[in-house]
Protein backbone atom coordinates (compact mmCIF):
# COMPACT_ATOMS: atom_id res chain seq x y z
CA MET A 1 -17.53 15.76 -6.23
CA THR A 2 -20.32 16.45 -8.83
CA ALA A 3 -20.90 14.02 -11.97
CA LEU A 4 -19.85 15.41 -15.23
CA PRO A 5 -21.58 17.20 -17.54
CA ALA A 6 -22.62 15.38 -20.45
CA ALA A 7 -20.40 16.65 -22.68
CA ALA A 8 -17.20 15.83 -20.91
CA GLU A 9 -18.48 12.18 -20.94
CA THR A 10 -16.49 11.85 -24.20
CA LEU A 11 -12.99 12.73 -22.92
CA ALA A 12 -10.40 10.17 -23.32
CA PRO A 13 -9.64 7.75 -20.42
CA VAL A 14 -6.60 9.51 -19.97
CA ILE A 15 -5.36 13.02 -21.12
CA GLU A 16 -1.79 14.24 -20.43
CA ALA A 17 -1.59 17.66 -18.75
CA GLY A 18 2.04 18.71 -18.11
CA ALA A 19 3.22 16.79 -14.98
CA PHE A 20 0.46 15.03 -14.83
CA PHE A 21 -2.31 12.30 -16.20
CA ASP A 22 -5.80 13.39 -16.32
CA CYS A 23 -7.12 9.74 -15.67
CA GLU A 24 -10.83 8.36 -15.79
CA VAL A 25 -12.47 6.69 -12.68
CA ARG A 26 -13.21 3.30 -13.36
CA GLU A 27 -14.18 1.60 -9.96
CA VAL A 28 -14.74 3.09 -6.32
CA ARG A 29 -15.67 0.68 -3.42
CA HIS A 30 -16.34 1.95 0.11
CA PHE A 31 -15.14 -0.36 3.13
CA THR A 32 -15.98 1.28 5.89
CA ASP A 33 -17.32 5.01 6.48
CA THR A 34 -13.45 5.72 6.56
CA LEU A 35 -12.14 3.82 4.09
CA PHE A 36 -12.17 3.54 0.13
CA SER A 37 -10.44 2.23 -3.03
CA PHE A 38 -10.46 3.36 -6.83
CA ARG A 39 -9.05 2.52 -9.83
CA THR A 40 -8.56 4.52 -12.52
CA ALA A 41 -7.58 4.10 -16.45
CA ARG A 42 -3.92 3.58 -16.99
CA PRO A 43 -2.00 5.86 -19.12
CA GLN A 44 0.02 3.14 -21.73
CA SER A 45 3.50 5.50 -21.04
CA PHE A 46 3.09 4.96 -17.38
CA ARG A 47 5.51 2.78 -15.90
CA PHE A 48 6.11 2.07 -12.35
CA ARG A 49 7.94 -0.15 -9.61
CA THR A 50 5.95 -2.45 -7.44
CA GLY A 51 5.79 -0.58 -4.13
CA GLU A 52 6.14 3.27 -5.51
CA PHE A 53 3.93 5.99 -4.90
CA VAL A 54 2.67 8.85 -6.96
CA MET A 55 0.96 12.54 -6.33
CA ILE A 56 -2.72 12.55 -6.63
CA GLY A 57 -5.17 15.31 -7.10
CA LEU A 58 -8.82 16.25 -8.30
CA ALA A 59 -8.94 17.38 -11.85
CA GLY A 60 -10.57 20.40 -12.49
CA GLU A 61 -9.00 22.75 -10.09
CA GLY A 62 -6.94 25.66 -10.37
CA LYS A 63 -4.11 24.69 -7.93
CA PRO A 64 -4.94 21.39 -7.15
CA THR A 65 -4.24 19.93 -3.83
CA LEU A 66 -1.91 16.85 -4.28
CA ARG A 67 -0.92 14.25 -1.80
CA ALA A 68 0.95 10.88 -2.32
CA TYR A 69 -0.68 8.03 -2.71
CA SER A 70 1.17 4.27 -3.13
CA LEU A 71 0.35 2.14 -6.07
CA ALA A 72 -1.56 -0.22 -4.56
CA GLY A 73 -2.18 -2.52 -7.98
CA PRO A 74 0.43 -4.73 -9.81
CA SER A 75 2.87 -3.19 -11.97
CA TRP A 76 1.55 -5.05 -14.54
CA ASP A 77 -2.09 -4.08 -13.98
CA ASP A 78 -4.25 -2.57 -16.87
CA ALA A 79 -5.58 0.14 -14.18
CA LEU A 80 -4.41 1.99 -11.59
CA GLU A 81 -5.56 1.30 -8.08
CA PHE A 82 -4.98 3.33 -4.96
CA TYR A 83 -6.41 2.82 -1.10
CA SER A 84 -7.59 5.59 0.89
CA ILE A 85 -8.79 7.05 4.26
CA LYS A 86 -11.58 9.29 4.11
CA VAL A 87 -10.70 12.48 6.52
CA GLU A 88 -13.95 14.91 6.93
CA ASP A 89 -11.76 17.83 6.53
CA GLY A 90 -9.26 16.65 4.72
CA ALA A 91 -7.75 19.34 1.94
CA LEU A 92 -8.02 16.45 -0.29
CA THR A 93 -10.25 13.12 0.88
CA SER A 94 -12.76 15.60 1.94
CA ARG A 95 -13.86 15.34 -1.80
CA LEU A 96 -11.84 12.58 -3.09
CA LYS A 97 -14.06 9.98 -0.99
CA HIS A 98 -16.90 11.34 -3.36
CA ILE A 99 -15.75 10.41 -6.37
CA GLN A 100 -17.48 8.20 -8.95
CA PRO A 101 -17.02 6.39 -12.23
CA GLY A 102 -16.90 8.74 -15.07
CA ASP A 103 -14.97 11.40 -13.00
CA ARG A 104 -11.41 12.16 -13.27
CA VAL A 105 -8.02 12.04 -10.99
CA MET A 106 -4.83 13.74 -11.72
CA VAL A 107 -2.09 11.25 -11.17
CA GLY A 108 1.52 12.44 -11.15
CA LYS A 109 3.91 11.23 -13.90
CA LYS A 110 6.79 10.71 -11.92
CA PRO A 111 6.72 7.25 -9.51
CA THR A 112 8.92 7.02 -6.51
CA GLY A 113 9.56 5.59 -3.30
CA THR A 114 11.65 3.15 -1.03
CA LEU A 115 9.69 0.47 -0.85
CA VAL A 116 10.98 -1.39 -3.63
CA LEU A 117 12.59 -4.73 -3.98
CA ASP A 118 16.03 -2.74 -5.08
CA ALA A 119 16.36 -1.39 -2.10
CA LEU A 120 16.85 -3.98 -0.22
CA LEU A 121 19.53 -6.63 -0.16
CA PRO A 122 19.04 -10.90 -1.00
CA GLY A 123 17.17 -12.75 1.70
CA LYS A 124 15.13 -15.33 2.61
CA ARG A 125 12.20 -13.98 4.38
CA LEU A 126 10.30 -10.71 3.64
CA PHE A 127 8.47 -9.14 6.31
CA LEU A 128 5.51 -6.16 5.10
CA LEU A 129 4.72 -4.48 7.96
CA SER A 130 1.90 -1.99 8.14
CA THR A 131 -0.99 -0.07 9.34
CA GLY A 132 -4.09 1.22 8.58
CA THR A 133 -4.13 2.59 4.61
CA GLY A 134 -0.19 1.71 4.72
CA VAL A 135 -1.18 -1.79 3.92
CA ALA A 136 -1.60 0.00 0.11
CA PRO A 137 2.13 -0.77 -1.16
CA PHE A 138 2.32 -4.31 0.08
CA ALA A 139 -1.14 -5.10 -1.75
CA SER A 140 0.90 -4.41 -4.78
CA ILE A 141 3.85 -6.14 -4.04
CA VAL A 142 2.10 -9.60 -2.81
CA ARG A 143 0.90 -9.50 -6.38
CA GLU A 144 4.14 -9.42 -8.03
CA PRO A 145 5.62 -13.00 -9.27
CA ASP A 146 9.07 -11.53 -8.76
CA VAL A 147 8.68 -11.47 -4.85
CA TYR A 148 7.99 -14.73 -4.30
CA ALA A 149 10.54 -15.88 -6.88
CA ARG A 150 13.19 -13.87 -4.30
CA TYR A 151 12.09 -14.75 -1.18
CA ASP A 152 11.25 -18.36 0.40
CA GLN A 153 8.27 -16.51 2.86
CA VAL A 154 6.55 -13.61 2.38
CA ILE A 155 5.03 -12.27 5.82
CA LEU A 156 2.39 -9.64 5.18
CA THR A 157 1.09 -7.81 8.83
CA HIS A 158 -2.05 -5.41 8.59
CA THR A 159 -3.03 -3.71 12.19
CA CYS A 160 -6.17 -1.67 12.17
CA ARG A 161 -8.19 0.06 15.00
CA THR A 162 -10.90 -2.48 14.45
CA ALA A 163 -11.75 -5.54 12.57
CA ALA A 164 -14.21 -3.82 9.77
CA GLU A 165 -10.67 -1.73 8.73
CA LEU A 166 -8.83 -5.21 7.74
CA ALA A 167 -11.59 -5.75 4.87
CA TYR A 168 -9.27 -4.40 2.04
CA SER A 169 -6.08 -7.07 3.22
CA GLN A 170 -8.19 -9.98 4.23
CA GLU A 171 -9.96 -9.94 0.50
CA LEU A 172 -6.76 -9.12 -1.03
CA VAL A 173 -5.10 -12.29 0.45
CA ALA A 174 -8.15 -14.37 -0.08
CA GLY A 175 -8.03 -13.01 -4.08
CA LEU A 176 -4.42 -14.46 -4.61
CA LYS A 177 -5.24 -18.16 -5.08
CA ASP A 178 -7.12 -16.84 -7.96
CA ASP A 179 -4.27 -14.46 -8.88
CA PRO A 180 -3.20 -15.10 -12.56
CA LEU A 181 0.30 -14.58 -12.08
CA VAL A 182 0.88 -15.76 -8.19
CA GLY A 183 -1.96 -17.99 -7.72
CA GLU A 184 0.44 -20.89 -7.55
CA SER A 185 3.17 -19.11 -5.69
CA ALA A 186 1.32 -16.70 -3.14
CA PRO A 187 -0.85 -19.25 -1.13
CA GLU A 188 2.31 -21.71 -0.76
CA LYS A 189 4.50 -19.23 0.67
CA LEU A 190 2.65 -16.10 1.86
CA VAL A 191 2.03 -15.50 5.63
CA TYR A 192 -1.00 -13.35 6.88
CA PHE A 193 -1.23 -11.68 10.22
CA SER A 194 -3.58 -8.78 11.30
CA SER A 195 -4.20 -7.49 14.62
CA VAL A 196 -7.10 -4.43 16.08
CA THR A 197 -6.08 -2.30 18.68
CA ARG A 198 -9.71 -0.95 19.78
CA GLU A 199 -11.83 -4.09 20.12
CA ALA A 200 -11.49 -7.22 20.69
CA GLY A 201 -10.51 -9.66 17.76
CA PRO A 202 -8.37 -13.06 17.15
CA GLN A 203 -5.25 -10.92 17.96
CA THR A 204 -5.56 -7.56 19.86
CA GLY A 205 -2.37 -5.09 19.46
CA ARG A 206 0.08 -2.89 18.08
CA ILE A 207 2.24 -4.38 15.90
CA THR A 208 5.08 -2.92 17.75
CA ASP A 209 3.75 -4.21 20.81
CA LEU A 210 3.16 -7.89 19.50
CA ILE A 211 6.90 -8.14 18.38
CA GLN A 212 8.38 -7.09 21.42
CA SER A 213 6.67 -9.46 23.37
CA GLY A 214 6.90 -12.26 21.21
CA LEU A 215 2.95 -12.95 20.55
CA PHE A 216 3.45 -12.20 16.99
CA PHE A 217 6.36 -14.91 16.06
CA GLN A 218 4.17 -17.39 18.39
CA SER A 219 1.24 -16.77 16.41
CA ILE A 220 2.82 -17.16 12.67
CA GLN A 221 4.73 -19.85 13.97
CA GLN A 222 8.23 -18.61 12.60
CA ALA A 223 11.51 -17.73 14.46
CA ARG A 224 12.29 -14.03 15.22
CA PHE A 225 13.98 -11.77 13.09
CA ASP A 226 17.27 -12.45 11.57
CA PRO A 227 19.12 -9.58 10.39
CA GLU A 228 21.37 -11.81 7.94
CA HIS A 229 18.43 -13.56 6.42
CA ASP A 230 15.21 -11.45 6.98
CA ARG A 231 14.36 -8.23 4.79
CA VAL A 232 11.56 -5.60 6.13
CA MET A 233 9.35 -3.15 4.60
CA ILE A 234 7.46 -0.85 6.90
CA CYS A 235 4.33 1.46 6.06
CA GLY A 236 1.97 3.10 8.33
CA SER A 237 1.61 5.58 11.18
CA LEU A 238 4.49 8.05 12.11
CA ALA A 239 4.90 6.60 15.73
CA MET A 240 4.62 3.11 14.44
CA LEU A 241 7.50 3.74 11.89
CA GLU A 242 9.74 5.46 14.37
CA GLU A 243 9.49 2.64 16.81
CA LEU A 244 9.70 -0.55 14.50
CA LYS A 245 13.03 1.57 12.77
CA THR A 246 14.57 1.65 16.25
CA ILE A 247 13.87 -1.94 17.02
CA PHE A 248 15.36 -3.09 13.56
CA GLN A 249 18.41 -0.75 14.04
CA GLU A 250 18.83 -2.22 17.41
CA LEU A 251 18.61 -5.63 16.48
CA GLY A 252 21.03 -5.23 13.62
CA PHE A 253 19.48 -4.24 10.72
CA THR A 254 20.60 -1.64 8.15
CA GLU A 255 18.51 0.84 6.58
CA GLY A 256 18.33 0.52 2.97
CA SER A 257 17.72 3.21 0.04
CA ASN A 258 17.41 3.31 -4.14
CA ALA A 259 21.37 3.98 -3.72
CA ARG A 260 22.51 1.58 -0.90
CA PRO A 261 20.18 -1.65 -0.77
CA GLY A 262 20.30 -2.57 3.48
CA SER A 263 17.74 -4.60 5.13
CA PHE A 264 15.16 -3.01 5.90
CA VAL A 265 13.03 0.32 4.37
CA VAL A 266 10.80 2.64 5.58
CA GLU A 267 8.07 4.53 3.67
CA LYS A 268 8.83 8.24 4.64
CA ALA A 269 6.37 9.80 2.36
CA PHE A 270 3.65 8.02 3.56
CA SER A 271 1.93 10.13 6.20
CA GLY A 272 -0.30 7.57 7.72
CA ASP A 273 -3.76 9.84 7.56
CA GLY A 274 -4.02 10.11 3.75
CA ILE A 275 -5.08 13.79 3.95
């Protein structure tokens, strides 16, 4: 994406445009050749529940290409944060990956999604199971004070192909101790587990396999899943979603929704590839 002309630099940080806000990009960070995050100005009227997603597009297009992106920042943040994969021939990410501070991104006005606390019944442990950029909604959830008020423990998992791709979640968790709202509760209640699938690491393997073998529970020194007290959120590749959904249903977990809370929820809108 080319830099904005000088005349455009005076545009307001946020402009309303029909069903979208036209938001100024404030910060861009590239973690690997295939992963990056960005933050935009936040519209004063924009409200969302922790864990929801919105449609994103690039400003200046006649008919923009839109994709669903989880809101990776907490609901109280004064900016909007997103985490994305870079796809060489992706309809959106092939151009989105070139954005720089001062550029503009279209952000939908209607956040939605199933990875919200209201879709789960009360419980004692909350498991947040993710692969790849599916960790984005959980980056929002682990910074939400209400999560630690509701649960005795919060277990975040992140599985990627390589160790380098874990940088976003590792940095997120490391920074929680200095978080202004959860800095005291998160270090005490949050358990972080990561694994890689295409190279050797402290933990190697797909999260589904590690759960089935029991190595996951051994690593975090926790009891196996209990549908009476445990609540689960799942976001990642389609194959991972389907496999974990089957596992939890066989264990007696019930799928929840905004209309009818249950013991686990799956983010159906997440494609797992970000394109």
